[in-house]
Amino acid sequence: MTLFEELKWRGLIKDTAGEDLEKIINGCDATFYWGTDPTADSLHIGHYSSLVTAKRLAKAGHHPILLIGGATGLIGDPRPTAEREIISKETLNKNLEGIKKQVSDVFGGNVTIVNNYDWIKEFDFIDFLREVGKYINVNYMLSKDIIERRLETGITFAEFAYTLIQGYDFLHLYESKNCVMQVEGSDQWGNITTGLELIKKKLGKDAYAFTMPLILDSNGNKFGKSEGNALWLDKNKTSSYALYQYLINSSDEKVEEYLKVFTFLSKEEIENVMKRHNEKKEERIAQKTLAKEFITDLHGKEEYEKAVKISEALFSGKVKELSKEEILIGFKDVPSFAVEEGTKLIDMLIDNGICSSKREAREFLNAGSISINDEKVSDENLEINKSMAIGDEVIVIKRGKKKNYIGHIK
């Protein structure tokens, strides 16, 4: 397959612009850009499909520019329902630095990173209207899908003008860095075409673009902060273990799509994985392959192996094989509490809501339903002490098969 054919096969091309786009992509020597606004200090899995596509183009010989919207981030692009919350310049700059480092790490430093504030700040309002605004018809802007949907409920001038700034970004990069192609998620098509229009009207030149379909979760929602389902690329915000758990639990209906979009496995390799997966679906071969490829590429082999270790230890009842740090990662979202050394077991169970009464606690203890660090306990007078803790601090209390708690011995 040519590169263009591969991108089509992976489902990574939706909208296109430019008669010679296929030739440009297969030529493997074009400068292109992808952009994002620094609305958080980390990108998330919703951005990662674009990053991987950009990395795929770079591996083929194209030259990537990653634009971080220091200017556009101060406004916020129009959302379908309401205006975005304005963030402070201090927060934006902190977010910007975090994303710069993250993107550089993903590309191994082999990427040009720019900030559109560096050139937008040079405009005064009148100059911007003369140099940009006069070339874009209001009727043309009103026809943009995202703007049209907001007209009934109302849209601010700042949001309305957002497309002019992003359009100018493309023009600026075309002139200053010979950037001839823009690559974005499909929700940015309206802004992309504004850039194409500016380049055509001001320079008399043709530029190129394609968009990628938005990647959806198994419920049909896009990944993102505003959707409440963000899986952050920063391992300190979403651990490799949490990412592993999400990927390993991908539905059979979505996993092949994710393999095509998020991994660098070839067509033949993916087809082989799916063949083996469909023969023994209970083994979740496709999901395991997805998790391995995704996490190894993003965070490295060591982080992937740590995620597997934590997962297998928790599943097989081998908590003691984990370090305190690994336990806290694996049980990040379970209830936790401090417990004084010397506290009796039955008091700890009642005081922290593990059991509702002494009677219930005794019933669970006698039935063998309470364990500490995967060892069943039955003596209600057992005193909690640091000798039973992992890392001299942490104990994992289980009630039945599904209720987990973390105790920090003080």
Protein backbone atom coordinates (compact mmCIF):
# COMPACT_ATOMS: atom_id res chain seq x y z
CA MET A 1 0.00 0.00 0.00
CA THR A 2 1.00 3.61 -0.53
CA LEU A 3 0.93 5.84 2.54
CA PHE A 4 -2.34 7.40 1.41
CA GLU A 5 -3.88 3.95 0.94
CA GLU A 6 -2.67 2.92 4.39
CA LEU A 7 -4.20 5.99 6.01
CA LYS A 8 -7.50 5.22 4.26
CA TRP A 9 -7.33 1.58 5.39
CA ARG A 10 -6.74 2.68 8.96
CA GLY A 11 -9.81 4.91 8.76
CA LEU A 12 -7.75 8.07 9.27
CA ILE A 13 -9.01 10.16 6.35
CA LYS A 14 -12.44 11.75 6.35
CA ASP A 15 -12.49 15.20 4.71
CA THR A 16 -9.86 16.17 2.14
CA ALA A 17 -8.75 19.35 0.37
CA GLY A 18 -6.40 19.73 -2.59
CA GLU A 19 -6.52 17.91 -5.92
CA ASP A 20 -3.01 16.55 -5.47
CA LEU A 21 -3.40 15.58 -1.80
CA GLU A 22 -2.72 11.90 -2.46
CA LYS A 23 0.44 12.81 -4.39
CA ILE A 24 1.59 15.14 -1.59
CA ILE A 25 1.09 12.46 1.07
CA ASN A 26 2.81 9.76 -0.96
CA GLY A 27 5.66 12.15 -1.86
CA CYS A 28 6.92 11.99 1.74
CA ASP A 29 8.61 15.39 1.85
CA ALA A 30 5.91 17.87 2.90
CA THR A 31 5.76 20.09 5.95
CA PHE A 32 2.43 19.79 7.75
CA TYR A 33 0.92 20.91 11.02
CA TRP A 34 -1.53 19.82 13.67
CA GLY A 35 -2.70 22.13 16.43
CA THR A 36 -4.28 22.11 19.86
CA ASP A 37 -5.21 24.71 22.45
CA PRO A 38 -3.61 24.36 25.92
CA THR A 39 -6.85 23.99 27.88
CA ALA A 40 -5.17 21.51 30.26
CA ASP A 41 -1.57 20.72 31.23
CA SER A 42 -1.77 17.36 29.45
CA LEU A 43 -3.20 16.00 26.24
CA HIS A 44 -5.57 13.05 26.45
CA ILE A 45 -6.36 9.92 24.46
CA GLY A 46 -8.68 11.93 22.22
CA HIS A 47 -5.63 13.87 21.01
CA TYR A 48 -3.49 10.79 20.70
CA SER A 49 -5.02 9.57 17.44
CA SER A 50 -3.91 12.87 15.86
CA LEU A 51 -0.46 12.62 17.43
CA VAL A 52 -0.02 9.06 16.18
CA THR A 53 -1.15 10.09 12.70
CA ALA A 54 1.35 12.95 12.75
CA LYS A 55 4.03 10.54 13.93
CA ARG A 56 3.05 8.14 11.15
CA LEU A 57 3.52 10.90 8.57
CA ALA A 58 6.85 11.84 10.16
CA LYS A 59 8.08 8.24 9.99
CA ALA A 60 7.32 8.34 6.26
CA GLY A 61 9.54 11.39 5.78
CA HIS A 62 7.18 14.34 6.21
CA HIS A 63 8.08 17.25 8.52
CA PRO A 64 5.72 17.78 11.49
CA ILE A 65 4.89 21.08 13.13
CA LEU A 66 2.84 20.94 16.32
CA LEU A 67 1.08 24.24 16.97
CA ILE A 68 0.02 25.05 20.52
CA GLY A 69 -2.59 27.78 20.63
CA GLY A 70 -1.30 30.30 23.11
CA ALA A 71 -3.49 32.89 21.37
CA THR A 72 -6.55 30.82 20.45
CA GLY A 73 -6.48 29.19 23.88
CA LEU A 74 -7.19 32.59 25.43
CA ILE A 75 -10.48 32.68 23.51
CA GLY A 76 -11.60 29.07 23.15
CA ASP A 77 -13.10 27.56 20.02
CA PRO A 78 -16.89 27.47 19.78
CA ARG A 79 -18.55 24.46 21.38
CA PRO A 80 -21.89 23.12 20.16
CA THR A 81 -23.78 24.19 23.30
CA ALA A 82 -22.06 27.04 25.15
CA GLU A 83 -19.01 29.27 25.29
CA ARG A 84 -15.87 27.79 26.81
CA GLU A 85 -14.74 29.04 30.20
CA ILE A 86 -11.99 31.63 29.83
CA ILE A 87 -8.74 30.54 31.50
CA SER A 88 -6.11 32.88 32.91
CA LYS A 89 -2.88 33.63 31.08
CA GLU A 90 -0.92 32.10 33.97
CA THR A 91 -2.84 28.83 33.74
CA LEU A 92 -2.58 28.81 29.96
CA ASN A 93 1.19 29.29 30.03
CA LYS A 94 1.57 26.49 32.60
CA ASN A 95 -0.54 24.21 30.39
CA LEU A 96 1.45 25.22 27.34
CA GLU A 97 4.76 24.21 28.88
CA GLY A 98 3.33 20.86 29.97
CA ILE A 99 2.04 20.07 26.47
CA LYS A 100 5.29 21.18 24.81
CA LYS A 101 7.26 18.67 26.87
CA GLN A 102 4.69 15.94 26.29
CA VAL A 103 4.64 16.40 22.52
CA SER A 104 8.43 16.55 22.36
CA ASP A 105 8.63 13.27 24.30
CA VAL A 106 6.13 11.56 22.00
CA PHE A 107 8.21 12.54 18.96
CA GLY A 108 11.57 11.91 20.60
CA GLY A 109 12.39 15.59 20.09
CA ASN A 110 12.03 15.32 16.30
CA VAL A 111 9.27 17.87 15.90
CA THR A 112 8.97 21.63 15.51
CA ILE A 113 6.73 23.15 18.18
CA VAL A 114 5.29 26.63 17.68
CA ASN A 115 2.97 28.92 19.65
CA ASN A 116 0.53 31.06 17.65
CA TYR A 117 0.68 33.78 20.29
CA ASP A 118 4.17 34.59 18.98
CA TRP A 119 2.74 36.02 15.75
CA ILE A 120 -0.80 36.96 16.75
CA LYS A 121 0.55 39.31 19.45
CA GLU A 122 2.17 41.42 16.71
CA PHE A 123 -1.26 42.46 15.36
CA ASP A 124 -3.31 45.38 16.56
CA PHE A 125 -7.06 45.10 16.01
CA ILE A 126 -7.20 47.32 12.90
CA ASP A 127 -4.27 45.53 11.25
CA PHE A 128 -5.90 42.16 11.88
CA LEU A 129 -9.13 43.31 10.27
CA ARG A 130 -7.22 44.66 7.26
CA GLU A 131 -4.87 41.70 6.85
CA VAL A 132 -7.29 38.88 7.67
CA GLY A 133 -10.87 40.00 8.25
CA LYS A 134 -11.33 41.67 4.86
CA TYR A 135 -10.60 38.43 3.02
CA ILE A 136 -13.27 36.30 4.73
CA ASN A 137 -16.95 36.91 3.97
CA VAL A 138 -19.35 36.91 6.93
CA ASN A 139 -21.80 34.71 5.02
CA TYR A 140 -18.97 32.22 4.53
CA MET A 141 -18.33 32.18 8.29
CA LEU A 142 -22.03 31.80 9.08
CA SER A 143 -22.15 28.67 6.95
CA LYS A 144 -19.64 26.92 9.19
CA ASP A 145 -21.45 24.06 10.92
CA ILE A 146 -20.31 24.86 14.47
CA ILE A 147 -21.23 28.55 14.10
CA GLU A 148 -24.55 27.81 12.43
CA ARG A 149 -25.56 25.54 15.30
CA ARG A 150 -24.86 28.30 17.84
CA LEU A 151 -26.79 31.10 16.12
CA GLU A 152 -30.07 30.16 17.73
CA THR A 153 -28.70 30.20 21.29
CA GLY A 154 -26.15 32.94 20.66
CA ILE A 155 -22.44 33.15 19.94
CA THR A 156 -19.98 35.79 21.13
CA PHE A 157 -17.85 37.80 18.75
CA ALA A 158 -14.73 36.25 20.30
CA GLU A 159 -15.92 32.73 19.42
CA PHE A 160 -17.09 33.92 16.01
CA ALA A 161 -13.63 35.32 15.24
CA TYR A 162 -11.82 32.17 16.38
CA THR A 163 -11.86 30.71 12.88
CA LEU A 164 -10.08 33.81 11.54
CA ILE A 165 -7.17 33.31 13.91
CA GLN A 166 -6.83 29.61 13.15
CA GLY A 167 -7.14 30.35 9.45
CA TYR A 168 -4.35 32.91 9.75
CA ASP A 169 -2.18 30.34 11.54
CA PHE A 170 -2.20 28.20 8.39
CA LEU A 171 -1.36 31.21 6.22
CA HIS A 172 1.49 32.24 8.55
CA LEU A 173 3.01 28.75 8.62
CA TYR A 174 2.61 28.45 4.84
CA GLU A 175 4.60 31.65 4.34
CA SER A 176 7.18 31.25 7.12
CA LYS A 177 7.82 27.50 7.13
CA ASN A 178 6.53 26.28 3.76
CA CYS A 179 3.84 24.33 5.61
CA VAL A 180 1.53 23.14 2.85
CA MET A 181 -0.79 20.77 4.71
CA GLN A 182 -2.94 20.78 7.83
CA VAL A 183 -4.01 17.59 9.61
CA GLU A 184 -6.74 17.76 12.27
CA GLY A 185 -9.72 16.00 13.79
CA SER A 186 -12.92 16.30 11.76
CA ASP A 187 -14.41 18.85 14.17
CA GLN A 188 -11.83 21.36 12.88
CA TRP A 189 -12.84 21.19 9.21
CA GLY A 190 -14.51 24.60 9.25
CA ASN A 191 -11.39 26.26 10.65
CA ILE A 192 -9.15 24.41 8.19
CA THR A 193 -11.12 25.63 5.18
CA THR A 194 -10.82 29.21 6.44
CA GLY A 195 -7.04 28.81 6.26
CA LEU A 196 -7.25 27.33 2.77
CA GLU A 197 -9.42 30.29 1.70
CA LEU A 198 -6.94 32.84 3.10
CA ILE A 199 -3.98 31.19 1.39
CA LYS A 200 -5.87 31.13 -1.90
CA LYS A 201 -7.07 34.76 -1.70
CA LYS A 202 -3.91 36.37 -0.31
CA LEU A 203 -1.22 34.31 -2.00
CA GLY A 204 -3.00 32.78 -4.96
CA LYS A 205 -1.65 29.38 -3.86
CA ASP A 206 -3.22 26.03 -3.14
CA ALA A 207 -2.72 24.23 0.15
CA TYR A 208 -3.78 20.78 1.35
CA ALA A 209 -5.57 19.25 4.30
CA PHE A 210 -7.27 16.18 5.59
CA THR A 211 -9.23 15.42 8.71
CA MET A 212 -9.47 12.28 10.79
CA PRO A 213 -12.78 10.96 12.14
CA LEU A 214 -13.15 11.59 15.85
CA ILE A 215 -12.37 8.46 17.85
CA LEU A 216 -15.30 7.45 20.04
CA ASP A 217 -15.55 5.26 23.11
CA SER A 218 -17.78 2.20 23.27
CA ASN A 219 -20.74 4.42 24.25
CA GLY A 220 -20.38 6.57 21.15
CA ASN A 221 -18.90 9.56 23.00
CA LYS A 222 -15.73 11.33 21.93
CA PHE A 223 -12.83 11.24 24.38
CA GLY A 224 -12.19 14.52 26.10
CA LYS A 225 -12.16 16.68 29.19
CA SER A 226 -15.56 18.21 28.50
CA GLU A 227 -17.05 14.74 28.01
CA GLY A 228 -15.87 13.68 31.47
CA ASN A 229 -14.02 10.62 30.18
CA ALA A 230 -10.53 11.99 29.65
CA LEU A 231 -7.69 9.49 29.81
CA TRP A 232 -4.64 11.72 30.15
CA LEU A 233 -1.37 11.02 28.37
CA ASP A 234 0.50 12.25 31.45
CA LYS A 235 1.13 9.11 33.51
CA ASN A 236 0.91 11.17 36.70
CA LYS A 237 -2.70 12.04 35.83
CA THR A 238 -3.71 8.69 34.31
CA SER A 239 -1.35 5.89 35.34
CA SER A 240 -0.15 3.31 32.85
CA TYR A 241 -2.10 0.79 34.93
CA ALA A 242 -5.36 2.76 34.56
CA LEU A 243 -4.68 3.12 30.84
CA TYR A 244 -3.96 -0.61 30.62
CA GLN A 245 -7.24 -1.41 32.36
CA TYR A 246 -9.17 0.77 29.93
CA LEU A 247 -7.52 -0.70 26.84
CA ILE A 248 -7.69 -4.30 28.02
CA ASN A 249 -11.43 -3.81 28.53
CA SER A 250 -12.06 -2.36 25.08
CA SER A 251 -15.08 -3.91 23.42
CA ASP A 252 -14.66 -6.48 20.67
CA GLU A 253 -16.58 -4.07 18.43
CA LYS A 254 -14.01 -1.26 18.88
CA VAL A 255 -10.68 -3.03 19.36
CA GLU A 256 -9.82 -3.52 15.67
CA GLU A 257 -10.48 0.17 15.01
CA TYR A 258 -8.22 1.11 17.94
CA LEU A 259 -5.46 -1.19 16.67
CA LYS A 260 -5.56 0.53 13.28
CA VAL A 261 -5.64 4.06 14.72
CA PHE A 262 -3.38 3.87 17.77
CA THR A 263 -0.66 1.36 16.83
CA PHE A 264 2.07 1.08 14.24
CA LEU A 265 1.37 -2.57 13.55
CA SER A 266 1.13 -3.34 9.84
CA LYS A 267 -2.03 -4.41 8.04
CA GLU A 268 -0.79 -8.00 8.00
CA GLU A 269 0.04 -7.93 11.71
CA ILE A 270 -3.35 -6.51 12.67
CA GLU A 271 -5.18 -9.02 10.49
CA ASN A 272 -3.21 -11.84 12.14
CA VAL A 273 -4.01 -10.50 15.62
CA MET A 274 -7.72 -10.29 14.78
CA LYS A 275 -7.72 -13.79 13.30
CA ARG A 276 -6.24 -15.24 16.49
CA HIS A 277 -8.55 -13.07 18.60
CA ASN A 278 -11.71 -14.21 16.83
CA GLU A 279 -10.71 -17.85 17.27
CA LYS A 280 -10.36 -17.43 21.06
CA LYS A 281 -12.18 -14.27 22.10
CA GLU A 282 -12.07 -15.22 25.77
CA GLU A 283 -8.27 -14.73 25.72
CA ARG A 284 -8.66 -11.06 24.63
CA ILE A 285 -5.63 -11.29 22.35
CA ALA A 286 -6.54 -8.11 20.44
CA GLN A 287 -7.05 -6.08 23.63
CA LYS A 288 -3.76 -7.30 25.11
CA THR A 289 -1.94 -6.43 21.90
CA LEU A 290 -3.54 -2.99 21.85
CA ALA A 291 -2.52 -2.28 25.45
CA LYS A 292 1.05 -3.44 24.84
CA GLU A 293 1.56 -1.42 21.67
CA PHE A 294 -0.19 1.71 22.96
CA ILE A 295 1.51 1.94 26.36
CA THR A 296 4.95 0.88 25.12
CA ASP A 297 4.88 3.53 22.41
CA LEU A 298 3.59 6.24 24.74
CA HIS A 299 5.38 5.53 28.03
CA GLY A 300 7.95 2.83 27.26
CA LYS A 301 8.38 -0.88 27.88
CA GLU A 302 9.03 -0.49 31.62
CA GLU A 303 5.70 1.28 32.21
CA TYR A 304 3.85 -1.38 30.21
CA GLU A 305 5.46 -4.18 32.21
CA LYS A 306 4.60 -2.40 35.47
CA ALA A 307 0.96 -2.12 34.39
CA VAL A 308 0.84 -5.83 33.56
CA LYS A 309 2.52 -6.74 36.85
CA ILE A 310 0.01 -4.73 38.90
CA SER A 311 -2.94 -6.10 36.96
CA GLU A 312 -1.86 -9.74 37.26
CA ALA A 313 -1.01 -9.41 40.97
CA LEU A 314 -4.39 -7.89 41.80
CA PHE A 315 -6.27 -10.42 39.68
CA SER A 316 -4.48 -13.46 41.08
CA GLY A 317 -4.48 -12.38 44.73
CA LYS A 318 -0.76 -11.65 45.01
CA VAL A 319 -0.86 -8.18 46.52
CA LYS A 320 2.25 -8.86 48.59
CA GLU A 321 4.32 -9.04 45.41
CA LEU A 322 3.66 -5.34 44.82
CA SER A 323 5.42 -2.31 46.28
CA LYS A 324 3.56 0.33 48.24
CA GLU A 325 3.69 2.65 45.22
CA GLU A 326 2.28 -0.03 42.91
CA ILE A 327 -0.55 -0.76 45.34
CA LEU A 328 -1.48 2.91 45.53
CA ILE A 329 -1.56 3.02 41.72
CA GLY A 330 -3.68 -0.11 41.45
CA PHE A 331 -6.12 0.99 44.16
CA LYS A 332 -6.13 4.70 43.36
CA ASP A 333 -9.92 4.98 43.22
CA VAL A 334 -10.91 2.81 46.20
CA PRO A 335 -11.80 4.23 49.65
CA SER A 336 -8.79 4.82 51.88
CA PHE A 337 -8.34 5.80 55.51
CA ALA A 338 -5.76 6.18 58.25
CA VAL A 339 -5.67 3.62 61.05
CA GLU A 340 -3.76 3.89 64.31
CA GLU A 341 -1.29 1.10 65.00
CA GLY A 342 -2.75 -1.20 67.67
CA THR A 343 -6.36 -0.71 66.56
CA LYS A 344 -8.39 -3.91 66.82
CA LEU A 345 -9.54 -5.41 63.54
CA ILE A 346 -13.26 -5.25 64.38
CA ASP A 347 -12.99 -1.58 65.35
CA MET A 348 -11.18 -0.76 62.08
CA LEU A 349 -13.94 -2.48 60.08
CA ILE A 350 -16.72 -0.54 61.80
CA ASP A 351 -15.00 2.84 62.14
CA ASN A 352 -14.26 3.00 58.41
CA GLY A 353 -17.58 1.76 57.06
CA ILE A 354 -16.33 -1.61 55.87
CA CYS A 355 -18.98 -3.20 58.09
CA SER A 356 -22.05 -1.50 59.51
CA SER A 357 -22.01 -3.12 62.97
CA LYS A 358 -20.12 -5.55 65.18
CA ARG A 359 -22.69 -8.19 64.37
CA GLU A 360 -22.15 -7.78 60.61
CA ALA A 361 -18.37 -7.66 61.07
CA ARG A 362 -18.40 -10.96 63.00
CA GLU A 363 -20.56 -12.56 60.31
CA PHE A 364 -18.07 -11.55 57.59
CA LEU A 365 -15.08 -12.64 59.69
CA ASN A 366 -16.61 -16.04 60.52
CA ALA A 367 -17.51 -16.59 56.85
CA GLY A 368 -13.91 -15.92 55.78
CA SER A 369 -15.00 -12.87 53.78
CA ILE A 370 -12.42 -10.43 55.19
CA SER A 371 -8.79 -10.44 54.09
CA ILE A 372 -5.76 -8.24 54.65
CA ASN A 373 -3.19 -8.26 51.86
CA ASP A 374 -4.99 -11.27 50.34
CA GLU A 375 -4.75 -13.33 53.55
CA LYS A 376 -8.04 -14.18 55.25
CA VAL A 377 -8.42 -12.98 58.83
CA SER A 378 -11.00 -14.12 61.39
CA ASP A 379 -9.79 -12.90 64.81
CA GLU A 380 -11.80 -9.78 65.64
CA ASN A 381 -9.24 -8.81 68.30
CA LEU A 382 -6.30 -8.93 65.89
CA GLU A 383 -4.31 -5.73 66.37
CA ILE A 384 -3.35 -3.79 63.23
CA ASN A 385 0.40 -3.15 63.17
CA LYS A 386 3.10 -2.16 60.73
CA SER A 387 4.57 -5.65 60.58
CA MET A 388 1.58 -6.71 58.45
CA ALA A 389 1.86 -3.67 56.18
CA ILE A 390 3.51 -3.32 52.78
CA GLY A 391 6.17 -0.65 52.84
CA ASP A 392 5.57 -0.30 56.61
CA GLU A 393 2.37 1.59 55.88
CA VAL A 394 -0.21 0.13 53.51
CA ILE A 395 -2.69 -2.69 53.97
CA VAL A 396 -5.29 -3.81 51.43
CA ILE A 397 -8.56 -4.83 53.08
CA LYS A 398 -11.03 -6.86 51.05
CA ARG A 399 -14.63 -7.59 51.95
CA GLY A 400 -15.97 -10.32 49.73
CA LYS A 401 -14.85 -10.38 46.10
CA LYS A 402 -15.50 -6.79 45.04
CA LYS A 403 -15.13 -4.40 47.99
CA ASN A 404 -11.60 -3.05 48.44
CA TYR A 405 -10.17 -0.54 50.91
CA ILE A 406 -6.73 0.88 51.60
CA GLY A 407 -5.54 1.44 55.15
CA HIS A 408 -2.57 3.68 55.98
CA ILE A 409 -1.12 2.61 59.33
CA LYS A 410 0.02 5.56 61.43
